[in-house]
All heavy atoms as atom14 arrays in JSON, in Angstrom:
{
  "sequence": "HRSTTTAVIRDVPGLTRSDYEAALRASFDAQGWCPCCCVQPVSEVVD",
  "atom14_mask": [
    [1, 1, 1, 1, 1, 1, 1, 1, 1, 1, 0, 0, 0, 0],
    [1, 1, 1, 1, 1, 1, 1, 1, 1, 1, 1, 0, 0, 0],
    [1, 1, 1, 1, 1, 1, 0, 0, 0, 0, 0, 0, 0, 0],
    [1, 1, 1, 1, 1, 1, 1, 0, 0, 0, 0, 0, 0, 0],
    [1, 1, 1, 1, 1, 1, 1, 0, 0, 0, 0, 0, 0, 0],
    [1, 1, 1, 1, 1, 1, 1, 0, 0, 0, 0, 0, 0, 0],
    [1, 1, 1, 1, 1, 0, 0, 0, 0, 0, 0, 0, 0, 0],
    [1, 1, 1, 1, 1, 1, 1, 0, 0, 0, 0, 0, 0, 0],
    [1, 1, 1, 1, 1, 1, 1, 1, 0, 0, 0, 0, 0, 0],
    [1, 1, 1, 1, 1, 1, 1, 1, 1, 1, 1, 0, 0, 0],
    [1, 1, 1, 1, 1, 1, 1, 1, 0, 0, 0, 0, 0, 0],
    [1, 1, 1, 1, 1, 1, 1, 0, 0, 0, 0, 0, 0, 0],
    [1, 1, 1, 1, 1, 1, 1, 0, 0, 0, 0, 0, 0, 0],
    [1, 1, 1, 1, 0, 0, 0, 0, 0, 0, 0, 0, 0, 0],
    [1, 1, 1, 1, 1, 1, 1, 1, 0, 0, 0, 0, 0, 0],
    [1, 1, 1, 1, 1, 1, 1, 0, 0, 0, 0, 0, 0, 0],
    [1, 1, 1, 1, 1, 1, 1, 1, 1, 1, 1, 0, 0, 0],
    [1, 1, 1, 1, 1, 1, 0, 0, 0, 0, 0, 0, 0, 0],
    [1, 1, 1, 1, 1, 1, 1, 1, 0, 0, 0, 0, 0, 0],
    [1, 1, 1, 1, 1, 1, 1, 1, 1, 1, 1, 1, 0, 0],
    [1, 1, 1, 1, 1, 1, 1, 1, 1, 0, 0, 0, 0, 0],
    [1, 1, 1, 1, 1, 0, 0, 0, 0, 0, 0, 0, 0, 0],
    [1, 1, 1, 1, 1, 0, 0, 0, 0, 0, 0, 0, 0, 0],
    [1, 1, 1, 1, 1, 1, 1, 1, 0, 0, 0, 0, 0, 0],
    [1, 1, 1, 1, 1, 1, 1, 1, 1, 1, 1, 0, 0, 0],
    [1, 1, 1, 1, 1, 0, 0, 0, 0, 0, 0, 0, 0, 0],
    [1, 1, 1, 1, 1, 1, 0, 0, 0, 0, 0, 0, 0, 0],
    [1, 1, 1, 1, 1, 1, 1, 1, 1, 1, 1, 0, 0, 0],
    [1, 1, 1, 1, 1, 1, 1, 1, 0, 0, 0, 0, 0, 0],
    [1, 1, 1, 1, 1, 0, 0, 0, 0, 0, 0, 0, 0, 0],
    [1, 1, 1, 1, 1, 1, 1, 1, 1, 0, 0, 0, 0, 0],
    [1, 1, 1, 1, 0, 0, 0, 0, 0, 0, 0, 0, 0, 0],
    [1, 1, 1, 1, 1, 1, 1, 1, 1, 1, 1, 1, 1, 1],
    [1, 1, 1, 1, 1, 1, 0, 0, 0, 0, 0, 0, 0, 0],
    [1, 1, 1, 1, 1, 1, 1, 0, 0, 0, 0, 0, 0, 0],
    [1, 1, 1, 1, 1, 1, 0, 0, 0, 0, 0, 0, 0, 0],
    [1, 1, 1, 1, 1, 1, 0, 0, 0, 0, 0, 0, 0, 0],
    [1, 1, 1, 1, 1, 1, 0, 0, 0, 0, 0, 0, 0, 0],
    [1, 1, 1, 1, 1, 1, 1, 0, 0, 0, 0, 0, 0, 0],
    [1, 1, 1, 1, 1, 1, 1, 1, 1, 0, 0, 0, 0, 0],
    [1, 1, 1, 1, 1, 1, 1, 0, 0, 0, 0, 0, 0, 0],
    [1, 1, 1, 1, 1, 1, 1, 0, 0, 0, 0, 0, 0, 0],
    [1, 1, 1, 1, 1, 1, 0, 0, 0, 0, 0, 0, 0, 0],
    [1, 1, 1, 1, 1, 1, 1, 1, 1, 0, 0, 0, 0, 0],
    [1, 1, 1, 1, 1, 1, 1, 0, 0, 0, 0, 0, 0, 0],
    [1, 1, 1, 1, 1, 1, 1, 0, 0, 0, 0, 0, 0, 0],
    [1, 1, 1, 1, 1, 1, 1, 1, 0, 0, 0, 0, 0, 0]
  ],
  "atom14_positions": [
    [[246.06, 54.88, 106.32], [246.74, 53.86, 105.52], [245.76, 52.76, 105.1], [246.15, 51.63, 104.84], [247.95, 53.28, 106.24], [248.82, 54.32, 106.86], [249.49, 55.25, 106.11], [249.09, 54.6, 108.15], [250.15, 56.06, 106.92], [249.92, 55.7, 108.16], [0.0, 0.0, 0.0], [0.0, 0.0, 0.0], [0.0, 0.0, 0.0], [0.0, 0.0, 0.0]],
    [[244.51, 53.12, 105.02], [243.44, 52.22, 104.57], [242.98, 52.72, 103.21], [243.56, 53.65, 102.66], [242.29, 52.22, 105.58], [242.67, 51.9, 107.02], [243.0, 50.46, 107.3], [242.03, 49.53, 106.8], [241.18, 48.84, 107.54], [241.14, 48.97, 108.83], [240.34, 47.99, 106.96], [0.0, 0.0, 0.0], [0.0, 0.0, 0.0], [0.0, 0.0, 0.0]],
    [[241.91, 52.15, 102.67], [241.48, 52.57, 101.34], [239.97, 52.68, 101.24], [239.22, 52.17, 102.08], [242.02, 51.61, 100.28], [241.63, 50.29, 100.55], [0.0, 0.0, 0.0], [0.0, 0.0, 0.0], [0.0, 0.0, 0.0], [0.0, 0.0, 0.0], [0.0, 0.0, 0.0], [0.0, 0.0, 0.0], [0.0, 0.0, 0.0], [0.0, 0.0, 0.0]],
    [[239.55, 53.39, 100.18], [238.15, 53.63, 99.89], [237.97, 53.69, 98.38], [238.91, 54.02, 97.66], [237.67, 54.95, 100.52], [236.27, 55.13, 100.24], [238.43, 56.16, 100.02], [0.0, 0.0, 0.0], [0.0, 0.0, 0.0], [0.0, 0.0, 0.0], [0.0, 0.0, 0.0], [0.0, 0.0, 0.0], [0.0, 0.0, 0.0], [0.0, 0.0, 0.0]],
    [[236.79, 53.36, 97.91], [236.53, 53.43, 96.47], [235.9, 54.75, 96.05], [235.6, 54.93, 94.87], [235.62, 52.26, 96.03], [234.47, 52.22, 96.85], [236.37, 50.93, 96.1], [0.0, 0.0, 0.0], [0.0, 0.0, 0.0], [0.0, 0.0, 0.0], [0.0, 0.0, 0.0], [0.0, 0.0, 0.0], [0.0, 0.0, 0.0], [0.0, 0.0, 0.0]],
    [[235.73, 55.67, 96.99], [235.21, 56.99, 96.64], [236.02, 58.09, 97.32], [236.49, 57.95, 98.44], [233.73, 57.17, 97.04], [233.58, 56.88, 98.44], [232.82, 56.28, 96.22], [0.0, 0.0, 0.0], [0.0, 0.0, 0.0], [0.0, 0.0, 0.0], [0.0, 0.0, 0.0], [0.0, 0.0, 0.0], [0.0, 0.0, 0.0], [0.0, 0.0, 0.0]],
    [[236.18, 59.18, 96.59], [236.83, 60.38, 97.12], [236.0, 61.57, 96.66], [235.28, 61.49, 95.66], [238.26, 60.49, 96.61], [0.0, 0.0, 0.0], [0.0, 0.0, 0.0], [0.0, 0.0, 0.0], [0.0, 0.0, 0.0], [0.0, 0.0, 0.0], [0.0, 0.0, 0.0], [0.0, 0.0, 0.0], [0.0, 0.0, 0.0], [0.0, 0.0, 0.0]],
    [[236.1, 62.65, 97.4], [235.38, 63.87, 97.03], [236.39, 65.0, 96.88], [237.42, 65.03, 97.55], [234.28, 64.21, 98.07], [234.87, 64.57, 99.42], [233.36, 65.31, 97.57], [0.0, 0.0, 0.0], [0.0, 0.0, 0.0], [0.0, 0.0, 0.0], [0.0, 0.0, 0.0], [0.0, 0.0, 0.0], [0.0, 0.0, 0.0], [0.0, 0.0, 0.0]],
    [[236.09, 65.91, 95.97], [236.94, 67.08, 95.75], [236.56, 68.15, 96.74], [235.39, 68.54, 96.83], [236.78, 67.62, 94.31], [237.04, 66.53, 93.27], [237.66, 68.85, 94.09], [238.41, 65.93, 93.28], [0.0, 0.0, 0.0], [0.0, 0.0, 0.0], [0.0, 0.0, 0.0], [0.0, 0.0, 0.0], [0.0, 0.0, 0.0], [0.0, 0.0, 0.0]],
    [[237.57, 68.64, 97.48], [237.35, 69.7, 98.46], [238.43, 70.76, 98.35], [239.59, 70.46, 98.13], [237.38, 69.14, 99.89], [236.16, 68.35, 100.25], [234.96, 69.28, 100.37], [233.74, 68.54, 100.52], [232.66, 68.71, 99.77], [232.63, 69.62, 98.82], [231.58, 68.0, 99.97], [0.0, 0.0, 0.0], [0.0, 0.0, 0.0], [0.0, 0.0, 0.0]],
    [[238.03, 72.02, 98.5], [238.96, 73.13, 98.68], [239.3, 73.15, 100.16], [238.39, 73.25, 101.0], [238.31, 74.46, 98.31], [238.56, 74.84, 96.87], [239.64, 74.57, 96.35], [237.64, 75.45, 96.28], [0.0, 0.0, 0.0], [0.0, 0.0, 0.0], [0.0, 0.0, 0.0], [0.0, 0.0, 0.0], [0.0, 0.0, 0.0], [0.0, 0.0, 0.0]],
    [[240.56, 73.02, 100.49], [240.98, 73.0, 101.89], [241.66, 74.32, 102.21], [242.79, 74.57, 101.76], [241.91, 71.81, 102.17], [242.38, 71.83, 103.62], [241.21, 70.49, 101.85], [0.0, 0.0, 0.0], [0.0, 0.0, 0.0], [0.0, 0.0, 0.0], [0.0, 0.0, 0.0], [0.0, 0.0, 0.0], [0.0, 0.0, 0.0], [0.0, 0.0, 0.0]],
    [[241.0, 75.18, 102.99], [241.58, 76.48, 103.33], [242.9, 76.31, 104.08], [243.02, 75.47, 104.97], [240.53, 77.13, 104.24], [239.27, 76.39, 103.97], [239.67, 75.0, 103.58], [0.0, 0.0, 0.0], [0.0, 0.0, 0.0], [0.0, 0.0, 0.0], [0.0, 0.0, 0.0], [0.0, 0.0, 0.0], [0.0, 0.0, 0.0], [0.0, 0.0, 0.0]],
    [[243.9, 77.07, 103.68], [245.18, 77.08, 104.37], [246.14, 75.97, 103.97], [247.31, 76.0, 104.36], [0.0, 0.0, 0.0], [0.0, 0.0, 0.0], [0.0, 0.0, 0.0], [0.0, 0.0, 0.0], [0.0, 0.0, 0.0], [0.0, 0.0, 0.0], [0.0, 0.0, 0.0], [0.0, 0.0, 0.0], [0.0, 0.0, 0.0], [0.0, 0.0, 0.0]],
    [[245.67, 74.97, 103.24], [246.56, 73.89, 102.82], [247.47, 74.39, 101.7], [246.99, 74.91, 100.7], [245.76, 72.68, 102.33], [246.59, 71.47, 101.89], [247.27, 70.82, 103.09], [245.72, 70.45, 101.17], [0.0, 0.0, 0.0], [0.0, 0.0, 0.0], [0.0, 0.0, 0.0], [0.0, 0.0, 0.0], [0.0, 0.0, 0.0], [0.0, 0.0, 0.0]],
    [[248.76, 74.23, 101.91], [249.73, 74.63, 100.87], [250.27, 73.39, 100.18], [250.13, 72.27, 100.68], [250.92, 75.39, 101.49], [251.65, 74.5, 102.34], [250.44, 76.61, 102.28], [0.0, 0.0, 0.0], [0.0, 0.0, 0.0], [0.0, 0.0, 0.0], [0.0, 0.0, 0.0], [0.0, 0.0, 0.0], [0.0, 0.0, 0.0], [0.0, 0.0, 0.0]],
    [[250.91, 73.62, 99.06], [251.54, 72.51, 98.35], [252.58, 71.84, 99.23], [252.72, 70.62, 99.26], [252.17, 72.99, 97.05], [252.58, 71.82, 96.18], [253.57, 72.21, 95.08], [253.97, 71.03, 94.38], [254.75, 70.09, 94.89], [255.22, 70.19, 96.11], [255.07, 69.02, 94.19], [0.0, 0.0, 0.0], [0.0, 0.0, 0.0], [0.0, 0.0, 0.0]],
    [[253.31, 72.64, 99.97], [254.33, 72.12, 100.89], [253.7, 71.23, 101.98], [254.24, 70.17, 102.31], [255.09, 73.29, 101.52], [256.05, 72.82, 102.42], [0.0, 0.0, 0.0], [0.0, 0.0, 0.0], [0.0, 0.0, 0.0], [0.0, 0.0, 0.0], [0.0, 0.0, 0.0], [0.0, 0.0, 0.0], [0.0, 0.0, 0.0], [0.0, 0.0, 0.0]],
    [[252.55, 71.67, 102.52], [251.83, 70.86, 103.52], [251.39, 69.54, 102.91], [251.48, 68.48, 103.55], [250.57, 71.59, 104.01], [250.84, 72.87, 104.75], [251.94, 73.03, 105.32], [249.94, 73.73, 104.75], [0.0, 0.0, 0.0], [0.0, 0.0, 0.0], [0.0, 0.0, 0.0], [0.0, 0.0, 0.0], [0.0, 0.0, 0.0], [0.0, 0.0, 0.0]],
    [[250.87, 69.61, 101.7], [250.37, 68.43, 101.0], [251.5, 67.42, 100.79], [251.36, 66.23, 101.05], [249.79, 68.89, 99.66], [248.76, 68.03, 99.0], [248.12, 66.99, 99.66], [248.42, 68.27, 97.68], [247.16, 66.21, 99.01], [247.46, 67.5, 97.02], [246.85, 66.48, 97.7], [245.9, 65.72, 97.06], [0.0, 0.0, 0.0], [0.0, 0.0, 0.0]],
    [[252.64, 67.93, 100.34], [253.8, 67.06, 100.13], [254.28, 66.47, 101.45], [254.61, 65.28, 101.52], [254.92, 67.83, 99.44], [256.07, 66.95, 99.02], [257.08, 67.63, 98.13], [256.72, 68.57, 97.38], [258.25, 67.22, 98.18], [0.0, 0.0, 0.0], [0.0, 0.0, 0.0], [0.0, 0.0, 0.0], [0.0, 0.0, 0.0], [0.0, 0.0, 0.0]],
    [[254.3, 67.27, 102.51], [254.72, 66.76, 103.82], [253.78, 65.67, 104.32], [254.23, 64.68, 104.92], [254.79, 67.92, 104.83], [0.0, 0.0, 0.0], [0.0, 0.0, 0.0], [0.0, 0.0, 0.0], [0.0, 0.0, 0.0], [0.0, 0.0, 0.0], [0.0, 0.0, 0.0], [0.0, 0.0, 0.0], [0.0, 0.0, 0.0], [0.0, 0.0, 0.0]],
    [[252.49, 65.82, 104.07], [251.51, 64.81, 104.5], [251.74, 63.5, 103.77], [251.71, 62.42, 104.37], [250.09, 65.31, 104.26], [0.0, 0.0, 0.0], [0.0, 0.0, 0.0], [0.0, 0.0, 0.0], [0.0, 0.0, 0.0], [0.0, 0.0, 0.0], [0.0, 0.0, 0.0], [0.0, 0.0, 0.0], [0.0, 0.0, 0.0], [0.0, 0.0, 0.0]],
    [[251.98, 63.56, 102.46], [252.21, 62.34, 101.7], [253.54, 61.7, 102.09], [253.62, 60.48, 102.27], [252.16, 62.62, 100.2], [252.25, 61.38, 99.3], [251.14, 60.37, 99.61], [252.2, 61.79, 97.84], [0.0, 0.0, 0.0], [0.0, 0.0, 0.0], [0.0, 0.0, 0.0], [0.0, 0.0, 0.0], [0.0, 0.0, 0.0], [0.0, 0.0, 0.0]],
    [[254.56, 62.51, 102.29], [255.87, 61.99, 102.7], [255.75, 61.31, 104.07], [256.29, 60.22, 104.29], [256.9, 63.1, 102.73], [258.32, 62.59, 102.96], [259.36, 63.71, 102.81], [259.24, 64.46, 101.58], [259.71, 64.07, 100.4], [260.29, 62.89, 100.29], [259.58, 64.82, 99.33], [0.0, 0.0, 0.0], [0.0, 0.0, 0.0], [0.0, 0.0, 0.0]],
    [[255.02, 61.93, 104.99], [254.82, 61.34, 106.32], [254.07, 60.01, 106.23], [254.36, 59.07, 106.97], [254.08, 62.32, 107.22], [0.0, 0.0, 0.0], [0.0, 0.0, 0.0], [0.0, 0.0, 0.0], [0.0, 0.0, 0.0], [0.0, 0.0, 0.0], [0.0, 0.0, 0.0], [0.0, 0.0, 0.0], [0.0, 0.0, 0.0], [0.0, 0.0, 0.0]],
    [[253.1, 59.94, 105.31], [252.35, 58.7, 105.11], [253.29, 57.59, 104.62], [253.26, 56.47, 105.13], [251.22, 58.92, 104.11], [250.5, 57.74, 103.9], [0.0, 0.0, 0.0], [0.0, 0.0, 0.0], [0.0, 0.0, 0.0], [0.0, 0.0, 0.0], [0.0, 0.0, 0.0], [0.0, 0.0, 0.0], [0.0, 0.0, 0.0], [0.0, 0.0, 0.0]],
    [[254.11, 57.92, 103.64], [255.07, 56.94, 103.13], [256.04, 56.51, 104.23], [256.33, 55.32, 104.38], [255.85, 57.5, 101.94], [255.06, 57.63, 100.66], [255.64, 58.19, 99.56], [253.74, 57.2, 100.57], [254.95, 58.32, 98.36], [253.03, 57.33, 99.38], [253.64, 57.89, 98.28], [0.0, 0.0, 0.0], [0.0, 0.0, 0.0], [0.0, 0.0, 0.0]],
    [[256.56, 57.47, 104.99], [257.49, 57.17, 106.08], [256.85, 56.25, 107.11], [257.47, 55.28, 107.55], [257.97, 58.45, 106.76], [258.92, 59.28, 105.9], [259.42, 58.77, 104.86], [259.17, 60.45, 106.27], [0.0, 0.0, 0.0], [0.0, 0.0, 0.0], [0.0, 0.0, 0.0], [0.0, 0.0, 0.0], [0.0, 0.0, 0.0], [0.0, 0.0, 0.0]],
    [[255.61, 56.54, 107.47], [254.9, 55.74, 108.49], [254.68, 54.3, 108.03], [254.62, 53.38, 108.84], [253.56, 56.39, 108.83], [0.0, 0.0, 0.0], [0.0, 0.0, 0.0], [0.0, 0.0, 0.0], [0.0, 0.0, 0.0], [0.0, 0.0, 0.0], [0.0, 0.0, 0.0], [0.0, 0.0, 0.0], [0.0, 0.0, 0.0], [0.0, 0.0, 0.0]],
    [[254.58, 54.12, 106.72], [254.36, 52.78, 106.18], [255.66, 52.08, 105.81], [255.64, 50.94, 105.34], [253.44, 52.87, 104.94], [252.05, 53.36, 105.3], [251.2, 53.53, 104.07], [250.66, 52.55, 103.57], [251.09, 54.76, 103.57], [0.0, 0.0, 0.0], [0.0, 0.0, 0.0], [0.0, 0.0, 0.0], [0.0, 0.0, 0.0], [0.0, 0.0, 0.0]],
    [[256.79, 52.77, 106.0], [258.08, 52.18, 105.69], [258.41, 52.13, 104.21], [259.23, 51.33, 103.77], [0.0, 0.0, 0.0], [0.0, 0.0, 0.0], [0.0, 0.0, 0.0], [0.0, 0.0, 0.0], [0.0, 0.0, 0.0], [0.0, 0.0, 0.0], [0.0, 0.0, 0.0], [0.0, 0.0, 0.0], [0.0, 0.0, 0.0], [0.0, 0.0, 0.0]],
    [[257.77, 53.0, 103.42], [258.03, 53.03, 101.99], [259.19, 53.98, 101.7], [259.29, 55.04, 102.29], [256.82, 53.53, 101.22], [255.66, 52.59, 101.22], [255.52, 51.46, 101.97], [254.48, 52.71, 100.45], [254.31, 50.87, 101.7], [253.66, 51.62, 100.77], [254.04, 53.62, 99.52], [252.41, 51.43, 100.19], [252.81, 53.44, 98.95], [252.01, 52.35, 99.28]],
    [[260.02, 53.59, 100.8], [261.12, 54.44, 100.36], [260.55, 55.45, 99.36], [260.12, 55.05, 98.27], [262.2, 53.59, 99.71], [263.5, 54.56, 98.95], [0.0, 0.0, 0.0], [0.0, 0.0, 0.0], [0.0, 0.0, 0.0], [0.0, 0.0, 0.0], [0.0, 0.0, 0.0], [0.0, 0.0, 0.0], [0.0, 0.0, 0.0], [0.0, 0.0, 0.0]],
    [[260.51, 56.73, 99.69], [259.89, 57.71, 98.79], [260.68, 57.99, 97.51], [260.22, 58.68, 96.64], [259.78, 58.97, 99.65], [260.85, 58.82, 100.67], [260.99, 57.33, 100.92], [0.0, 0.0, 0.0], [0.0, 0.0, 0.0], [0.0, 0.0, 0.0], [0.0, 0.0, 0.0], [0.0, 0.0, 0.0], [0.0, 0.0, 0.0], [0.0, 0.0, 0.0]],
    [[261.87, 57.38, 97.39], [262.67, 57.66, 96.19], [262.56, 56.56, 95.14], [262.85, 56.79, 93.98], [264.13, 57.87, 96.56], [264.88, 56.44, 97.33], [0.0, 0.0, 0.0], [0.0, 0.0, 0.0], [0.0, 0.0, 0.0], [0.0, 0.0, 0.0], [0.0, 0.0, 0.0], [0.0, 0.0, 0.0], [0.0, 0.0, 0.0], [0.0, 0.0, 0.0]],
    [[262.13, 55.35, 95.54], [262.11, 54.29, 94.53], [260.92, 53.34, 94.62], [260.64, 52.63, 93.67], [263.41, 53.48, 94.59], [263.67, 52.64, 96.15], [0.0, 0.0, 0.0], [0.0, 0.0, 0.0], [0.0, 0.0, 0.0], [0.0, 0.0, 0.0], [0.0, 0.0, 0.0], [0.0, 0.0, 0.0], [0.0, 0.0, 0.0], [0.0, 0.0, 0.0]],
    [[260.23, 53.3, 95.73], [259.08, 52.38, 95.85], [257.89, 52.88, 95.04], [257.08, 52.1, 94.57], [258.66, 52.22, 97.31], [259.91, 51.39, 98.29], [0.0, 0.0, 0.0], [0.0, 0.0, 0.0], [0.0, 0.0, 0.0], [0.0, 0.0, 0.0], [0.0, 0.0, 0.0], [0.0, 0.0, 0.0], [0.0, 0.0, 0.0], [0.0, 0.0, 0.0]],
    [[257.76, 54.16, 94.95], [256.75, 54.81, 94.11], [257.46, 55.97, 93.42], [258.62, 56.24, 93.71], [255.55, 55.34, 94.95], [254.79, 54.2, 95.58], [255.99, 56.32, 96.0], [0.0, 0.0, 0.0], [0.0, 0.0, 0.0], [0.0, 0.0, 0.0], [0.0, 0.0, 0.0], [0.0, 0.0, 0.0], [0.0, 0.0, 0.0], [0.0, 0.0, 0.0]],
    [[256.77, 56.65, 92.53], [257.42, 57.8, 91.91], [257.71, 58.83, 92.98], [257.15, 58.79, 94.08], [256.55, 58.34, 90.78], [255.27, 59.01, 91.24], [254.34, 59.32, 90.1], [253.45, 58.56, 89.84], [254.55, 60.43, 89.43], [0.0, 0.0, 0.0], [0.0, 0.0, 0.0], [0.0, 0.0, 0.0], [0.0, 0.0, 0.0], [0.0, 0.0, 0.0]],
    [[258.61, 59.78, 92.72], [258.95, 60.78, 93.75], [257.7, 61.48, 94.3], [256.76, 61.77, 93.57], [259.84, 61.77, 92.99], [260.45, 60.94, 91.9], [259.37, 59.96, 91.49], [0.0, 0.0, 0.0], [0.0, 0.0, 0.0], [0.0, 0.0, 0.0], [0.0, 0.0, 0.0], [0.0, 0.0, 0.0], [0.0, 0.0, 0.0], [0.0, 0.0, 0.0]],
    [[257.73, 61.74, 95.59], [256.59, 62.35, 96.29], [256.16, 63.65, 95.61], [254.97, 63.88, 95.43], [256.93, 62.58, 97.78], [255.85, 63.38, 98.47], [257.16, 61.25, 98.48], [0.0, 0.0, 0.0], [0.0, 0.0, 0.0], [0.0, 0.0, 0.0], [0.0, 0.0, 0.0], [0.0, 0.0, 0.0], [0.0, 0.0, 0.0], [0.0, 0.0, 0.0]],
    [[257.11, 64.48, 95.23], [256.76, 65.76, 94.6], [255.96, 65.54, 93.31], [255.03, 66.29, 93.03], [258.01, 66.58, 94.32], [258.87, 65.9, 93.42], [0.0, 0.0, 0.0], [0.0, 0.0, 0.0], [0.0, 0.0, 0.0], [0.0, 0.0, 0.0], [0.0, 0.0, 0.0], [0.0, 0.0, 0.0], [0.0, 0.0, 0.0], [0.0, 0.0, 0.0]],
    [[256.29, 64.5, 92.55], [255.54, 64.21, 91.32], [254.14, 63.69, 91.63], [253.18, 64.04, 90.93], [256.29, 63.18, 90.47], [257.55, 63.71, 89.85], [258.29, 62.65, 89.03], [257.69, 61.6, 88.7], [259.48, 62.87, 88.74], [0.0, 0.0, 0.0], [0.0, 0.0, 0.0], [0.0, 0.0, 0.0], [0.0, 0.0, 0.0], [0.0, 0.0, 0.0]],
    [[254.01, 62.87, 92.65], [252.69, 62.37, 93.05], [251.8, 63.54, 93.46], [250.64, 63.63, 93.06], [252.79, 61.33, 94.19], [251.41, 60.91, 94.67], [253.6, 60.12, 93.75], [0.0, 0.0, 0.0], [0.0, 0.0, 0.0], [0.0, 0.0, 0.0], [0.0, 0.0, 0.0], [0.0, 0.0, 0.0], [0.0, 0.0, 0.0], [0.0, 0.0, 0.0]],
    [[252.35, 64.46, 94.24], [251.59, 65.64, 94.69], [251.18, 66.49, 93.49], [250.03, 66.93, 93.41], [252.38, 66.45, 95.73], [251.72, 67.79, 96.01], [252.51, 65.64, 97.02], [0.0, 0.0, 0.0], [0.0, 0.0, 0.0], [0.0, 0.0, 0.0], [0.0, 0.0, 0.0], [0.0, 0.0, 0.0], [0.0, 0.0, 0.0], [0.0, 0.0, 0.0]],
    [[252.09, 66.71, 92.56], [251.75, 67.49, 91.36], [250.59, 66.83, 90.61], [249.67, 67.52, 90.16], [252.96, 67.62, 90.42], [254.03, 68.55, 90.95], [253.74, 69.37, 91.86], [255.18, 68.46, 90.46], [0.0, 0.0, 0.0], [0.0, 0.0, 0.0], [0.0, 0.0, 0.0], [0.0, 0.0, 0.0], [0.0, 0.0, 0.0], [0.0, 0.0, 0.0]]
  ]
}
């Protein structure tokens, strides 16, 4: 839940779209963000 000004592109073996969405949803939940209205829907962010 911190930030950085650089990111790198990586192929992550075994990571599915469902896993990716669950990770982002868990991040929002942990920070107390409402995933339906505080930001765009999680599925759209993942896409």
